[in-house]
Amino acid sequence: MVKLDARGLSCPQPVLMTKKGLKLNPEGIEVLVDNNTACMNVKKFMTHAGYKVSISESEDEFTLTASK
């Protein structure tokens, strides 16, 4: 699984990075973000694109995993 590090980026950059990642790896990706807004926006995008999304939170970081 491909892992993308979008920490430190403000929206819409994490969403655009996720879009590119899913285009290159349509089977699924893992995205790391460091704020709640980016987490919710990336989750919304992944869900809208037809992926199942799981989120794990550790301290102030979120890991979103998209899979078909």
N, C-alpha and C. Protein backbone atom coordinates (compact mmCIF):
# COMPACT_ATOMS: atom_id res chain seq x y z
N MET A 1 0.84 -1.18 0.00
CA MET A 1 0.00 0.00 0.00
C MET A 1 0.89 1.24 0.00
N VAL A 2 0.52 2.20 -0.81
CA VAL A 2 1.25 3.46 -0.91
C VAL A 2 0.86 4.36 0.26
N LYS A 3 1.86 5.02 0.84
CA LYS A 3 1.63 5.94 1.95
C LYS A 3 1.99 7.35 1.53
N LEU A 4 1.07 8.27 1.79
CA LEU A 4 1.29 9.69 1.47
C LEU A 4 1.38 10.48 2.76
N ASP A 5 2.33 11.38 2.84
CA ASP A 5 2.50 12.22 4.03
C ASP A 5 2.06 13.64 3.68
N ALA A 6 0.87 14.00 4.18
CA ALA A 6 0.33 15.33 3.91
C ALA A 6 0.36 16.20 5.17
N ARG A 7 1.19 15.82 6.13
CA ARG A 7 1.29 16.63 7.35
C ARG A 7 1.88 17.99 7.01
N GLY A 8 1.35 19.00 7.68
CA GLY A 8 1.86 20.36 7.48
C GLY A 8 1.24 21.07 6.29
N LEU A 9 0.41 20.37 5.53
CA LEU A 9 -0.23 20.98 4.37
C LEU A 9 -1.64 21.43 4.74
N SER A 10 -2.05 22.57 4.19
CA SER A 10 -3.41 23.04 4.44
C SER A 10 -4.27 22.71 3.23
N CYS A 11 -5.55 22.61 3.46
CA CYS A 11 -6.48 22.27 2.38
C CYS A 11 -6.48 23.38 1.34
N PRO A 12 -6.59 23.00 0.10
CA PRO A 12 -6.99 21.69 -0.44
C PRO A 12 -5.81 20.77 -0.78
N GLN A 13 -4.59 21.10 -0.40
CA GLN A 13 -3.43 20.30 -0.80
C GLN A 13 -3.52 18.82 -0.41
N PRO A 14 -3.94 18.46 0.83
CA PRO A 14 -4.05 17.03 1.15
C PRO A 14 -5.06 16.29 0.25
N VAL A 15 -6.14 16.96 -0.10
CA VAL A 15 -7.16 16.33 -0.97
C VAL A 15 -6.58 16.15 -2.38
N LEU A 16 -5.89 17.14 -2.88
CA LEU A 16 -5.30 17.03 -4.22
C LEU A 16 -4.23 15.94 -4.25
N MET A 17 -3.45 15.84 -3.18
CA MET A 17 -2.43 14.80 -3.07
C MET A 17 -3.10 13.41 -3.05
N THR A 18 -4.21 13.30 -2.32
CA THR A 18 -4.96 12.04 -2.24
C THR A 18 -5.52 11.67 -3.60
N LYS A 19 -6.07 12.65 -4.30
CA LYS A 19 -6.63 12.41 -5.64
C LYS A 19 -5.57 11.84 -6.57
N LYS A 20 -4.38 12.44 -6.56
CA LYS A 20 -3.27 11.96 -7.39
C LYS A 20 -2.85 10.55 -6.99
N GLY A 21 -2.76 10.33 -5.68
CA GLY A 21 -2.36 9.03 -5.17
C GLY A 21 -3.31 7.92 -5.56
N LEU A 22 -4.62 8.21 -5.51
CA LEU A 22 -5.61 7.20 -5.88
C LEU A 22 -5.61 6.94 -7.38
N LYS A 23 -5.28 7.96 -8.15
CA LYS A 23 -5.21 7.78 -9.60
C LYS A 23 -4.05 6.83 -9.96
N LEU A 24 -2.93 6.97 -9.25
CA LEU A 24 -1.77 6.12 -9.51
C LEU A 24 -1.89 4.75 -8.85
N ASN A 25 -2.66 4.66 -7.77
CA ASN A 25 -2.81 3.42 -7.01
C ASN A 25 -4.29 3.18 -6.69
N PRO A 26 -5.07 2.81 -7.69
CA PRO A 26 -6.52 2.71 -7.49
C PRO A 26 -6.96 1.63 -6.50
N GLU A 27 -6.06 0.72 -6.12
CA GLU A 27 -6.44 -0.30 -5.15
C GLU A 27 -6.55 0.25 -3.73
N GLY A 28 -5.92 1.38 -3.47
CA GLY A 28 -6.03 2.01 -2.16
C GLY A 28 -4.73 2.67 -1.74
N ILE A 29 -4.84 3.59 -0.77
CA ILE A 29 -3.69 4.32 -0.25
C ILE A 29 -3.88 4.61 1.23
N GLU A 30 -2.81 5.07 1.83
CA GLU A 30 -2.84 5.51 3.23
C GLU A 30 -2.34 6.96 3.24
N VAL A 31 -3.08 7.84 3.91
CA VAL A 31 -2.73 9.26 3.94
C VAL A 31 -2.57 9.70 5.39
N LEU A 32 -1.47 10.37 5.67
CA LEU A 32 -1.19 10.89 7.01
C LEU A 32 -1.40 12.40 6.99
N VAL A 33 -2.27 12.89 7.90
CA VAL A 33 -2.52 14.33 8.03
C VAL A 33 -2.40 14.72 9.50
N ASP A 34 -2.26 16.02 9.74
CA ASP A 34 -2.05 16.46 11.12
C ASP A 34 -3.07 17.48 11.62
N ASN A 35 -4.22 17.56 10.95
CA ASN A 35 -5.28 18.43 11.47
C ASN A 35 -6.64 17.86 11.12
N ASN A 36 -7.61 18.18 11.93
CA ASN A 36 -8.95 17.62 11.80
C ASN A 36 -9.63 18.04 10.50
N THR A 37 -9.42 19.26 10.05
CA THR A 37 -10.04 19.73 8.82
C THR A 37 -9.56 18.91 7.63
N ALA A 38 -8.26 18.71 7.52
CA ALA A 38 -7.71 17.89 6.43
C ALA A 38 -8.24 16.46 6.53
N CYS A 39 -8.32 15.93 7.74
CA CYS A 39 -8.82 14.58 7.95
C CYS A 39 -10.24 14.44 7.39
N MET A 40 -11.11 15.37 7.75
CA MET A 40 -12.51 15.29 7.30
C MET A 40 -12.63 15.50 5.79
N ASN A 41 -11.84 16.42 5.24
CA ASN A 41 -11.91 16.68 3.80
C ASN A 41 -11.38 15.50 2.99
N VAL A 42 -10.29 14.89 3.43
CA VAL A 42 -9.73 13.72 2.73
C VAL A 42 -10.71 12.55 2.84
N LYS A 43 -11.29 12.36 4.02
CA LYS A 43 -12.27 11.27 4.21
C LYS A 43 -13.46 11.47 3.27
N LYS A 44 -13.96 12.68 3.20
CA LYS A 44 -15.10 12.98 2.33
C LYS A 44 -14.76 12.68 0.87
N PHE A 45 -13.58 13.08 0.43
CA PHE A 45 -13.15 12.82 -0.94
C PHE A 45 -13.06 11.32 -1.21
N MET A 46 -12.40 10.59 -0.31
CA MET A 46 -12.22 9.15 -0.49
C MET A 46 -13.58 8.43 -0.56
N THR A 47 -14.48 8.80 0.33
CA THR A 47 -15.81 8.18 0.35
C THR A 47 -16.55 8.48 -0.95
N HIS A 48 -16.49 9.72 -1.38
CA HIS A 48 -17.16 10.12 -2.62
C HIS A 48 -16.57 9.38 -3.83
N ALA A 49 -15.29 9.05 -3.77
CA ALA A 49 -14.63 8.33 -4.86
C ALA A 49 -14.92 6.82 -4.81
N GLY A 50 -15.69 6.38 -3.81
CA GLY A 50 -16.10 4.98 -3.75
C GLY A 50 -15.23 4.07 -2.91
N TYR A 51 -14.42 4.64 -2.04
CA TYR A 51 -13.53 3.85 -1.20
C TYR A 51 -14.10 3.69 0.20
N LYS A 52 -13.76 2.58 0.83
CA LYS A 52 -14.04 2.40 2.25
C LYS A 52 -12.91 3.09 2.98
N VAL A 53 -13.24 3.84 4.01
CA VAL A 53 -12.23 4.63 4.71
C VAL A 53 -12.18 4.26 6.18
N SER A 54 -10.98 4.00 6.66
CA SER A 54 -10.79 3.82 8.10
C SER A 54 -9.81 4.89 8.57
N ILE A 55 -10.05 5.37 9.79
CA ILE A 55 -9.22 6.44 10.35
C ILE A 55 -8.68 5.99 11.69
N SER A 56 -7.38 6.16 11.86
CA SER A 56 -6.79 5.93 13.19
C SER A 56 -6.11 7.22 13.61
N GLU A 57 -6.27 7.54 14.90
CA GLU A 57 -5.71 8.78 15.43
C GLU A 57 -4.65 8.46 16.47
N SER A 58 -3.53 9.15 16.37
CA SER A 58 -2.44 8.98 17.31
C SER A 58 -1.89 10.36 17.64
N GLU A 59 -2.05 10.77 18.87
CA GLU A 59 -1.68 12.11 19.31
C GLU A 59 -2.38 13.13 18.41
N ASP A 60 -1.66 13.95 17.67
CA ASP A 60 -2.30 14.96 16.82
C ASP A 60 -2.21 14.60 15.35
N GLU A 61 -2.11 13.31 15.05
CA GLU A 61 -2.02 12.87 13.66
C GLU A 61 -3.12 11.86 13.35
N PHE A 62 -3.57 11.91 12.10
CA PHE A 62 -4.60 10.98 11.65
C PHE A 62 -4.05 10.19 10.47
N THR A 63 -4.34 8.90 10.46
CA THR A 63 -3.97 8.05 9.33
C THR A 63 -5.27 7.56 8.71
N LEU A 64 -5.49 7.94 7.45
CA LEU A 64 -6.67 7.51 6.72
C LEU A 64 -6.27 6.43 5.73
N THR A 65 -6.99 5.34 5.74
CA THR A 65 -6.70 4.23 4.84
C THR A 65 -7.91 4.03 3.93
N ALA A 66 -7.67 4.11 2.62
CA ALA A 66 -8.72 3.91 1.63
C ALA A 66 -8.53 2.56 0.97
N SER A 67 -9.61 1.80 0.88
CA SER A 67 -9.54 0.52 0.18
C SER A 67 -10.86 0.30 -0.55
N LYS A 68 -10.79 -0.50 -1.58
CA LYS A 68 -12.00 -0.81 -2.37
C LYS A 68 -12.80 -1.87 -1.70
